């Protein structure tokens, strides 16, 4: 099947704090323009992706019989549900649905798609008026917001929590006042730290020796601690409150 018609997809376990990795693909018979997805016509499919077209034809009966034959029409190869299909190919924060710790990854240009909500998660977009994506990524991966989520979320077996919309939207996001130099300086410091974390996690899988892995892991831990310290400052926590969060 031609690579041009395949999209990388993410499941909940493929996303962690500052990282996302996947080897899964989905056949995606759509063209995305800006934020809308348009189904390829049979002629376009045959012209641009003949191998994919042949594969779909081999499975035509199976695809037509989905949902008690609801797909026995000219668009028999379309997705069953296509809400928000065109929304994924833009910068966004990926948050997995089932977590042991609140996790977010800044997808700047990977254009990852979640399979669905319950086995995947959410993509969050922002106009960045109250803080850049990198800043928001740091907040969402902080111990403080993780602590908050666990106070309001549903608990599941094995220490898992639901990070779904009704809980994510309750998270207290500290909005940056960019006209305040001190606030802007903290924002920029967060951006630098998160950029470092993203780079470190990108390098971790390719570390060749135990010494290199250990060095990178130490840098991850120290940068993580620096982000938590900055978040505590932004939210004005006392030493006693920090002890509660970390305890």
Protein backbone atom coordinates (compact mmCIF):
# COMPACT_ATOMS: atom_id res chain seq x y z
CA UNK A 1 0.00 0.00 0.00
CA UNK A 2 1.33 3.45 -0.90
CA UNK A 3 2.75 5.35 2.07
CA UNK A 4 1.04 8.57 0.94
CA UNK A 5 -2.37 7.22 1.91
CA UNK A 6 -1.28 6.00 5.34
CA UNK A 7 -1.42 8.05 8.54
CA UNK A 8 0.42 7.38 11.78
CA UNK A 9 -2.02 6.78 14.61
CA UNK A 10 -1.58 6.93 18.35
CA UNK A 11 -3.06 4.81 21.10
CA UNK A 12 -3.21 5.81 24.76
CA UNK A 13 -0.07 3.83 25.62
CA UNK A 14 1.90 5.52 22.84
CA UNK A 15 1.93 8.91 24.62
CA UNK A 16 3.74 9.85 27.81
CA UNK A 17 5.12 12.92 29.51
CA UNK A 18 6.90 14.85 26.71
CA UNK A 19 7.04 11.90 24.30
CA UNK A 20 4.96 10.05 21.70
CA UNK A 21 6.02 6.99 19.73
CA UNK A 22 4.07 4.80 17.34
CA UNK A 23 4.56 2.23 14.61
CA UNK A 24 0.85 1.92 13.81
CA UNK A 25 -0.73 3.18 10.59
CA UNK A 26 -4.24 3.54 9.25
CA UNK A 27 -5.35 3.62 5.63
CA UNK A 28 -6.74 7.14 5.32
CA UNK A 29 -8.68 7.68 2.04
CA UNK A 30 -9.14 11.40 2.60
CA UNK A 31 -7.47 14.65 1.55
CA UNK A 32 -7.07 17.17 4.38
CA UNK A 33 -7.20 20.85 3.49
CA UNK A 34 -6.83 23.25 6.41
CA UNK A 35 -9.23 21.70 8.94
CA UNK A 36 -11.59 19.71 6.71
CA UNK A 37 -11.24 16.19 5.32
CA UNK A 38 -12.69 15.25 1.92
CA UNK A 39 -13.10 11.62 0.85
CA UNK A 40 -11.06 10.69 -2.23
CA UNK A 41 -13.21 9.70 -5.20
CA UNK A 42 -12.81 6.21 -6.74
CA UNK A 43 -11.06 7.79 -9.76
CA UNK A 44 -8.65 9.70 -7.49
CA UNK A 45 -7.98 6.55 -5.51
CA UNK A 46 -7.23 4.54 -8.66
CA UNK A 47 -5.04 7.27 -10.12
CA UNK A 48 -2.99 8.17 -7.03
CA UNK A 49 -3.08 5.00 -4.93
CA UNK A 50 -3.76 1.92 -7.12
CA UNK A 51 -2.34 -0.53 -4.56
CA UNK A 52 -4.56 0.85 -1.79
CA UNK A 53 -7.49 0.81 -4.21
CA UNK A 54 -6.89 -2.88 -4.95
CA UNK A 55 -6.63 -3.65 -1.23
CA UNK A 56 -9.93 -1.90 -0.48
CA UNK A 57 -11.67 -3.67 -3.38
CA UNK A 58 -10.57 -7.02 -1.95
CA UNK A 59 -12.32 -6.06 1.29
CA UNK A 60 -15.32 -4.33 -0.29
CA UNK A 61 -17.95 -6.80 0.93
CA UNK A 62 -16.68 -6.57 4.50
CA UNK A 63 -16.67 -2.77 4.38
CA UNK A 64 -20.13 -2.53 2.80
CA UNK A 65 -21.64 -4.78 5.46
CA UNK A 66 -20.58 -2.58 8.37
CA UNK A 67 -23.44 -1.49 10.64
CA UNK A 68 -25.93 -3.86 9.00
CA UNK A 69 -25.21 -2.81 5.44
CA UNK A 70 -25.23 0.94 6.02
CA UNK A 71 -22.23 1.35 3.67
CA UNK A 72 -23.69 -0.18 0.51
CA UNK A 73 -23.31 2.96 -1.56
CA UNK A 74 -20.75 4.77 -3.72
CA UNK A 75 -18.72 5.77 -0.66
CA UNK A 76 -18.50 2.26 0.81
CA UNK A 77 -14.84 2.78 1.82
CA UNK A 78 -15.48 5.86 3.98
CA UNK A 79 -14.96 5.86 7.75
CA UNK A 80 -17.94 5.06 9.94
CA UNK A 81 -17.42 8.23 11.93
CA UNK A 82 -15.44 11.17 10.63
CA UNK A 83 -15.98 13.88 13.21
CA UNK A 84 -12.96 16.16 13.50
CA UNK A 85 -10.98 14.19 10.89
CA UNK A 86 -9.54 17.38 9.46
CA UNK A 87 -8.58 18.82 12.84
CA UNK A 88 -5.57 16.62 13.56
CA UNK A 89 -3.08 18.04 11.09
CA UNK A 90 -2.20 21.13 13.10
CA UNK A 91 -0.14 21.88 16.23
CA UNK A 92 -1.81 20.40 19.28
CA UNK A 93 -1.25 18.87 22.69
CA UNK A 94 -1.92 15.13 22.92
CA UNK A 95 -3.29 13.83 26.22
CA UNK A 96 -3.87 10.07 26.62
CA UNK A 97 -7.23 9.06 28.07
CA UNK A 98 -6.05 6.49 30.65
CA UNK A 99 -3.06 7.59 32.73
CA UNK A 100 -1.18 6.77 35.89
CA UNK A 101 0.16 10.34 35.74
CA UNK A 102 -1.23 13.25 33.76
CA UNK A 103 0.76 13.31 30.51
CA UNK A 104 0.98 15.60 27.51
CA UNK A 105 3.02 15.70 24.32
CA UNK A 106 3.38 18.74 22.08
CA UNK A 107 2.71 17.55 18.54
CA UNK A 108 4.15 20.48 16.59
CA UNK A 109 4.26 18.81 13.17
CA UNK A 110 4.02 15.01 13.57
CA UNK A 111 0.32 15.18 12.62
CA UNK A 112 -0.51 12.19 14.81
CA UNK A 113 -4.12 10.96 14.90
CA UNK A 114 -5.68 9.29 17.94
CA UNK A 115 -7.54 6.07 17.07
CA UNK A 116 -10.47 7.23 19.23
CA UNK A 117 -11.05 8.61 22.70
CA UNK A 118 -11.37 5.48 24.83
CA UNK A 119 -8.25 3.74 23.47
CA UNK A 120 -6.50 6.98 22.54
CA UNK A 121 -7.15 10.37 24.00
CA UNK A 122 -7.63 14.02 23.17
CA UNK A 123 -6.00 16.60 20.98
CA UNK A 124 -6.08 20.09 22.49
CA UNK A 125 -5.64 23.24 20.44
CA UNK A 126 -5.04 26.76 21.73
CA UNK A 127 -4.82 30.30 20.37
CA UNK A 128 -1.80 30.67 22.72
CA UNK A 129 -3.09 34.00 24.04
CA UNK A 130 -2.57 32.92 27.66
CA UNK A 131 0.60 30.90 27.05
CA UNK A 132 2.32 29.04 24.23
CA UNK A 133 1.86 25.33 23.54
CA UNK A 134 5.25 24.63 25.12
CA UNK A 135 4.24 26.53 28.25
CA UNK A 136 0.93 24.63 28.45
CA UNK A 137 2.78 21.35 27.91
CA UNK A 138 4.93 22.10 30.95
CA UNK A 139 1.88 22.86 33.11
CA UNK A 140 0.07 19.69 32.04
CA UNK A 141 3.10 17.52 32.84
CA UNK A 142 3.70 19.13 36.22
CA UNK A 143 3.24 17.42 39.57
CA UNK A 144 0.78 20.13 40.60
CA UNK A 145 -1.75 19.59 37.78
CA UNK A 146 -1.28 15.83 38.07
CA UNK A 147 -2.20 16.14 41.76
CA UNK A 148 -5.24 18.24 40.90
CA UNK A 149 -6.48 15.79 38.25
CA UNK A 150 -6.30 12.93 40.72
CA UNK A 151 -8.56 14.81 43.14
CA UNK A 152 -11.37 15.16 40.58
CA UNK A 153 -10.94 12.19 38.22
CA UNK A 154 -12.35 8.66 38.27
CA UNK A 155 -9.96 6.00 39.62
CA UNK A 156 -9.61 2.65 37.85
CA UNK A 157 -7.95 -0.66 38.69
CA UNK A 158 -4.15 -0.65 38.62
CA UNK A 159 -3.73 2.98 39.63
CA UNK A 160 -5.13 4.42 36.39
CA UNK A 161 -7.07 7.66 36.13
CA UNK A 162 -9.37 8.99 33.42
CA UNK A 163 -8.04 12.13 31.75
CA UNK A 164 -11.17 12.86 29.74
CA UNK A 165 -12.79 16.15 28.78
CA UNK A 166 -14.88 16.66 31.92
CA UNK A 167 -11.73 16.47 34.07
CA UNK A 168 -9.25 18.17 31.73
CA UNK A 169 -11.46 21.25 31.49
CA UNK A 170 -11.35 21.60 35.29
CA UNK A 171 -7.55 21.92 35.36
CA UNK A 172 -6.53 25.37 36.66
CA UNK A 173 -4.39 26.89 33.90
CA UNK A 174 -2.30 29.85 35.01
CA UNK A 175 -2.78 32.47 32.28
CA UNK A 176 0.34 34.49 31.50
CA UNK A 177 0.09 38.28 31.53
CA UNK A 178 2.56 39.05 28.75
CA UNK A 179 2.59 42.76 29.64
CA UNK A 180 4.12 41.83 33.01
CA UNK A 181 7.91 41.35 32.52
CA UNK A 182 8.20 38.98 35.47
CA UNK A 183 5.37 36.78 34.17
CA UNK A 184 6.78 36.78 30.65
CA UNK A 185 10.21 35.81 31.99
CA UNK A 186 8.69 32.79 33.78
CA UNK A 187 6.82 31.85 30.61
CA UNK A 188 10.02 31.99 28.55
CA UNK A 189 11.87 29.97 31.18
CA UNK A 190 9.17 27.30 30.98
CA UNK A 191 9.44 27.21 27.19
CA UNK A 192 13.20 26.63 27.42
CA UNK A 193 12.79 23.83 29.95
CA UNK A 194 10.06 22.08 27.95
CA UNK A 195 12.10 22.30 24.74
CA UNK A 196 14.91 20.60 26.64
CA UNK A 197 12.58 17.87 27.92
CA UNK A 198 11.21 17.16 24.44
CA UNK A 199 14.76 16.90 23.05
CA UNK A 200 15.91 14.63 25.89
CA UNK A 201 12.99 12.24 25.40
CA UNK A 202 13.64 12.20 21.66
CA UNK A 203 17.25 11.18 22.32
CA UNK A 204 16.55 8.55 25.01
CA UNK A 205 15.49 5.67 22.69
CA UNK A 206 18.69 6.02 20.63
CA UNK A 207 21.07 6.02 23.61
CA UNK A 208 23.59 3.29 22.84
CA UNK A 209 25.21 2.60 26.21
CA UNK A 210 23.94 2.29 29.79
CA UNK A 211 26.11 5.29 30.70
CA UNK A 212 24.49 7.42 27.99
CA UNK A 213 21.02 6.30 29.09
CA UNK A 214 21.82 7.11 32.73
CA UNK A 215 23.17 10.55 31.81
CA UNK A 216 20.06 11.41 29.80
CA UNK A 217 17.79 10.11 32.54
CA UNK A 218 19.54 12.30 35.13
CA UNK A 219 19.03 15.31 32.87
CA UNK A 220 15.34 14.41 32.50
CA UNK A 221 14.91 14.23 36.26
CA UNK A 222 16.71 17.52 36.94
CA UNK A 223 14.76 19.33 34.20
CA UNK A 224 11.51 17.84 35.49
CA UNK A 225 12.30 19.14 38.98
CA UNK A 226 13.07 22.60 37.57
CA UNK A 227 9.68 22.64 35.80
CA UNK A 228 7.87 21.64 38.98
CA UNK A 229 9.68 24.37 40.94
CA UNK A 230 8.70 26.96 38.32
CA UNK A 231 5.06 25.82 38.40
CA UNK A 232 4.96 26.13 42.18
CA UNK A 233 6.24 29.69 41.83
CA UNK A 234 3.65 30.53 39.16
CA UNK A 235 0.81 29.26 41.36
CA UNK A 236 2.21 30.77 44.55
CA UNK A 237 2.33 27.55 46.58
CA UNK A 238 3.71 27.57 50.11
CA UNK A 239 6.24 25.00 51.35
CA UNK A 240 3.42 23.22 53.20
CA UNK A 241 1.30 23.05 50.03
CA UNK A 242 4.22 21.74 47.99
CA UNK A 243 4.75 19.01 50.60
CA UNK A 244 1.08 17.94 50.18
CA UNK A 245 1.43 17.80 46.37
CA UNK A 246 4.67 15.83 46.48
CA UNK A 247 3.52 13.58 49.30
